[in-house]
C-alpha atoms as a PDB file:
ATOM      1  CA  MET A   1     113.899-108.492  -0.148  1.00  0.00           C
ATOM      2  CA  ARG A   2     114.563-108.499   3.614  1.00  0.00           C
ATOM      3  CA  VAL A   3     112.094-106.105   5.223  1.00  0.00           C
ATOM      4  CA  TYR A   4     111.848-104.977   8.811  1.00  0.00           C
ATOM      5  CA  ALA A   5     108.278-103.817   9.375  1.00  0.00           C
ATOM      6  CA  ASP A   6     107.520-102.233  12.649  1.00  0.00           C
ATOM      7  CA  THR A   7     104.274-102.990  14.427  1.00  0.00           C
ATOM      8  CA  SER A   8     102.380-100.119  12.865  1.00  0.00           C
ATOM      9  CA  ALA A   9     103.083-101.520   9.439  1.00  0.00           C
ATOM     10  CA  LEU A  10     102.394-105.098  10.467  1.00  0.00           C
ATOM     11  CA  VAL A  11      98.997-104.228  11.958  1.00  0.00           C
ATOM     12  CA  ALA A  12      98.155-102.615   8.629  1.00  0.00           C
ATOM     13  CA  TRP A  13      99.431-105.737   6.778  1.00  0.00           C
ATOM     14  CA  PHE A  14      97.115-108.050   8.722  1.00  0.00           C
ATOM     15  CA  ASN A  15      94.127-105.831   9.363  1.00  0.00           C
ATOM     16  CA  PRO A  16      92.134-104.827   6.300  1.00  0.00           C
ATOM     17  CA  ALA A  17      90.306-102.123   8.308  1.00  0.00           C
ATOM     18  CA  ASP A  18      93.533-100.276   9.213  1.00  0.00           C
ATOM     19  CA  GLU A  19      93.919 -96.861   7.679  1.00  0.00           C
ATOM     20  CA  PHE A  20      97.245 -97.867   6.125  1.00  0.00           C
ATOM     21  CA  ALA A  21      96.185-101.367   5.038  1.00  0.00           C
ATOM     22  CA  LEU A  22      95.813-100.631   1.339  1.00  0.00           C
ATOM     23  CA  ALA A  23      99.108 -98.727   1.061  1.00  0.00           C
ATOM     24  CA  VAL A  24     101.115-101.375   2.955  1.00  0.00           C
ATOM     25  CA  THR A  25      99.430-104.227   1.119  1.00  0.00           C
ATOM     26  CA  ASP A  26     100.054-102.680  -2.287  1.00  0.00           C
ATOM     27  CA  TRP A  27     103.738-101.982  -1.408  1.00  0.00           C
ATOM     28  CA  CYS A  28     104.308-105.579  -0.235  1.00  0.00           C
ATOM     29  CA  ARG A  29     102.484-107.104  -3.182  1.00  0.00           C
ATOM     30  CA  GLU A  30     104.818-105.324  -5.658  1.00  0.00           C
ATOM     31  CA  ARG A  31     107.841-106.926  -4.026  1.00  0.00           C
ATOM     32  CA  THR A  32     108.963-110.265  -2.781  1.00  0.00           C
ATOM     33  CA  THR A  33     109.114-109.476   0.920  1.00  0.00           C
ATOM     34  CA  GLU A  34     110.812-111.582   3.615  1.00  0.00           C
ATOM     35  CA  PHE A  35     109.860-110.070   6.908  1.00  0.00           C
ATOM     36  CA  CYS A  36     112.490-109.921   9.610  1.00  0.00           C
ATOM     37  CA  TRP A  37     110.853-111.228  12.788  1.00  0.00           C
ATOM     38  CA  ASN A  38     111.802-111.222  16.458  1.00  0.00           C
ATOM     39  CA  HIS A  39     110.320-111.834  19.817  1.00  0.00           C
ATOM     40  CA  LEU A  40     109.589-108.131  20.563  1.00  0.00           C
ATOM     41  CA  LEU A  41     107.682-107.779  17.268  1.00  0.00           C
ATOM     42  CA  ARG A  42     105.773-110.999  18.018  1.00  0.00           C
ATOM     43  CA  VAL A  43     104.678-109.914  21.413  1.00  0.00           C
ATOM     44  CA  GLU A  44     103.878-106.315  20.422  1.00  0.00           C
ATOM     45  CA  LEU A  45     101.929-107.379  17.294  1.00  0.00           C
ATOM     46  CA  ARG A  46      99.959-110.051  19.061  1.00  0.00           C
ATOM     47  CA  HIS A  47      98.961-107.533  21.773  1.00  0.00           C
ATOM     48  CA  ASN A  48      97.894-104.924  19.232  1.00  0.00           C
ATOM     49  CA  LEU A  49      95.888-107.473  17.146  1.00  0.00           C
ATOM     50  CA  ARG A  50      94.086-108.716  20.313  1.00  0.00           C
ATOM     51  CA  ARG A  51      93.021-105.159  20.986  1.00  0.00           C
ATOM     52  CA  LEU A  52      91.243-104.819  17.641  1.00  0.00           C
ATOM     53  CA  SER A  53      87.491-104.774  17.515  1.00  0.00           C
ATOM     54  CA  GLY A  54      85.072-104.591  14.607  1.00  0.00           C
ATOM     55  CA  LYS A  55      84.233-106.875  11.767  1.00  0.00           C
ATOM     56  CA  TYR A  56      87.858-107.479  10.631  1.00  0.00           C
ATOM     57  CA  ALA A  57      89.374-108.171  14.066  1.00  0.00           C
ATOM     58  CA  ALA A  58      89.034-111.969  13.673  1.00  0.00           C
ATOM     59  CA  THR A  59      90.289-111.767  10.094  1.00  0.00           C
ATOM     60  CA  ALA A  60      93.435-109.922  11.250  1.00  0.00           C
ATOM     61  CA  TRP A  61      94.162-112.451  14.036  1.00  0.00           C
ATOM     62  CA  HIS A  62      93.669-115.482  11.724  1.00  0.00           C
ATOM     63  CA  ALA A  63      95.838-113.899   8.972  1.00  0.00           C
ATOM     64  CA  TYR A  64      98.542-113.316  11.495  1.00  0.00           C
ATOM     65  CA  ARG A  65      98.293-116.901  12.823  1.00  0.00           C
ATOM     66  CA  ALA A  66      98.440-118.207   9.253  1.00  0.00           C
ATOM     67  CA  GLY A  67     101.684-116.257   8.817  1.00  0.00           C
ATOM     68  CA  GLU A  68     103.189-118.022  11.819  1.00  0.00           C
ATOM     69  CA  THR A  69     101.841-121.433  10.871  1.00  0.00           C
ATOM     70  CA  SER A  70     103.085-121.163   7.252  1.00  0.00           C
ATOM     71  CA  ARG A  71     106.485-120.079   8.533  1.00  0.00           C
ATOM     72  CA  ARG A  72     106.227-116.682   6.715  1.00  0.00           C
ATOM     73  CA  LEU A  73     107.097-115.249  10.098  1.00  0.00           C
ATOM     74  CA  ASN A  74     110.174-117.144  11.462  1.00  0.00           C
ATOM     75  CA  LEU A  75     111.687-115.965  14.684  1.00  0.00           C
ATOM     76  CA  ALA A  76     115.265-114.863  14.369  1.00  0.00           C
ATOM     77  CA  ALA A  77     117.908-116.328  16.715  1.00  0.00           C
ATOM     78  CA  HIS A  78     118.396-112.953  18.395  1.00  0.00           C
ATOM     79  CA  ARG A  79     117.713-112.993  22.101  1.00  0.00           C
ATOM     80  CA  LEU A  80     115.388-110.390  23.558  1.00  0.00           C
ATOM     81  CA  GLY A  81     118.213-109.151  25.782  1.00  0.00           C
ATOM     82  CA  ASP A  82     120.311-108.466  22.639  1.00  0.00           C
ATOM     83  CA  LEU A  83     117.426-106.496  21.101  1.00  0.00           C
ATOM     84  CA  LEU A  84     117.075-104.378  24.221  1.00  0.00           C
ATOM     85  CA  GLU A  85     120.860-103.796  24.462  1.00  0.00           C
ATOM     86  CA  TRP A  86     121.041-102.737  20.775  1.00  0.00           C
ATOM     87  CA  GLY A  87     118.134-100.287  21.300  1.00  0.00           C
ATOM     88  CA  ASP A  88     119.775 -98.877  24.418  1.00  0.00           C
ATOM     89  CA  GLU A  89     123.070 -98.294  22.596  1.00  0.00           C
ATOM     90  CA  LEU A  90     121.268 -96.563  19.742  1.00  0.00           C
ATOM     91  CA  SER A  91     119.390 -94.411  22.239  1.00  0.00           C
ATOM     92  CA  ALA A  92     122.610 -93.397  23.885  1.00  0.00           C
ATOM     93  CA  ARG A  93     123.839 -92.081  20.572  1.00  0.00           C
ATOM     94  CA  HIS A  94     120.695 -90.365  19.253  1.00  0.00           C
ATOM     95  CA  VAL A  95     118.075 -89.719  22.003  1.00  0.00           C
ATOM     96  CA  GLY A  96     118.855 -86.036  22.098  1.00  0.00           C
ATOM     97  CA  SER A  97     118.143 -85.604  18.443  1.00  0.00           C
ATOM     98  CA  SER A  98     115.098 -87.858  18.041  1.00  0.00           C
ATOM     99  CA  ALA A  99     111.444 -87.798  19.027  1.00  0.00           C
ATOM    100  CA  ALA A 100     111.302 -91.577  18.724  1.00  0.00           C
ATOM    101  CA  GLY A 101     110.238 -93.650  21.734  1.00  0.00           C
ATOM    102  CA  THR A 102     111.983 -96.523  23.512  1.00  0.00           C
ATOM    103  CA  TRP A 103     110.479 -99.291  21.416  1.00  0.00           C
ATOM    104  CA  ASP A 104     111.192 -97.272  18.208  1.00  0.00           C
ATOM    105  CA  PHE A 105     114.890 -97.313  19.051  1.00  0.00           C
ATOM    106  CA  ILE A 106     114.777-101.031  19.648  1.00  0.00           C
ATOM    107  CA  HIS A 107     112.965-101.743  16.280  1.00  0.00           C
ATOM    108  CA  VAL A 108     115.421 -99.523  14.400  1.00  0.00           C
ATOM    109  CA  ALA A 109     118.410-101.131  16.047  1.00  0.00           C
ATOM    110  CA  ALA A 110     116.960-104.613  15.280  1.00  0.00           C
ATOM    111  CA  ALA A 111     116.551-103.675  11.646  1.00  0.00           C
ATOM    112  CA  GLN A 112     120.242-102.618  11.512  1.00  0.00           C
ATOM    113  CA  HIS A 113     121.371-105.916  13.050  1.00  0.00           C
ATOM    114  CA  THR A 114     119.255-108.107  10.830  1.00  0.00           C
ATOM    115  CA  GLY A 115     120.623-106.568   7.630  1.00  0.00           C
ATOM    116  CA  SER A 116     117.206-105.351   6.460  1.00  0.00           C
ATOM    117  CA  GLU A 117     117.124-103.765   3.095  1.00  0.00           C
ATOM    118  CA  VAL A 118     114.049-101.621   3.908  1.00  0.00           C
ATOM    119  CA  PHE A 119     112.398-100.421   7.087  1.00  0.00           C
ATOM    120  CA  LEU A 120     108.580-100.118   6.886  1.00  0.00           C
ATOM    121  CA  THR A 121     106.690 -97.900   9.322  1.00  0.00           C
ATOM    122  CA  CYS A 122     103.666 -95.660   9.653  1.00  0.00           C
ATOM    123  CA  ASP A 123     105.474 -93.638  12.380  1.00  0.00           C
ATOM    124  CA  ALA A 124     107.190 -90.464  11.196  1.00  0.00           C
ATOM    125  CA  ALA A 125     109.516 -90.083  14.217  1.00  0.00           C
ATOM    126  CA  GLN A 126     110.662 -93.723  13.878  1.00  0.00           C
ATOM    127  CA  ALA A 127     111.174 -93.219  10.120  1.00  0.00           C
ATOM    128  CA  LYS A 128     113.349 -90.199  10.750  1.00  0.00           C
ATOM    129  CA  LEU A 129     115.480 -92.113  13.253  1.00  0.00           C
ATOM    130  CA  ALA A 130     115.837 -95.071  10.798  1.00  0.00           C
ATOM    131  CA  ARG A 131     116.940 -92.693   7.987  1.00  0.00           C
ATOM    132  CA  LYS A 132     119.388 -90.984  10.403  1.00  0.00           C
ATOM    133  CA  VAL A 133     121.178 -94.277  11.029  1.00  0.00           C
ATOM    134  CA  GLY A 134     121.380 -95.108   7.291  1.00  0.00           C
ATOM    135  CA  LEU A 135     118.389 -97.433   6.783  1.00  0.00           C
ATOM    136  CA  ALA A 136     116.314 -97.267   3.576  1.00  0.00           C
ATOM    137  CA  VAL A 137     112.779 -96.284   4.808  1.00  0.00           C
ATOM    138  CA  LYS A 138     109.304 -96.636   3.409  1.00  0.00           C
ATOM    139  CA  LEU A 139     107.020 -94.386   5.512  1.00  0.00           C
ATOM    140  CA  PHE A 140     103.235 -94.789   5.020  1.00  0.00           C
ATOM    141  CA  VAL A 141     101.406 -91.604   5.789  1.00  0.00           C
END
């Protein structure tokens, strides 16, 4: 199953101390997930994982790095400029009716362009936008 997981869901996937870790992990374990991956997700996730502290911070970082090394996270051929343009086009159509932020629009647009079967997030505004544009959404709350 091709899954686009935004950064909130990916942090929960890699960090056992995250409040959504159990729900995200259980959902992914019940399915064969192939994560859609792009340069924006990579930069955003790495930044958020570096900010972690506590006893599981190193575990989260090493789990993430293992995902890259094992090729579980393969970068798509999409250029960063394309991702930004897709997000901008989506924003132009829906910004007045959505509380989602700039990066949320880019993630939702990227999910559309990658042919993702499901969009995973822990962000209610982003989930609402994704549903509005026709994506199947799993929101962890």
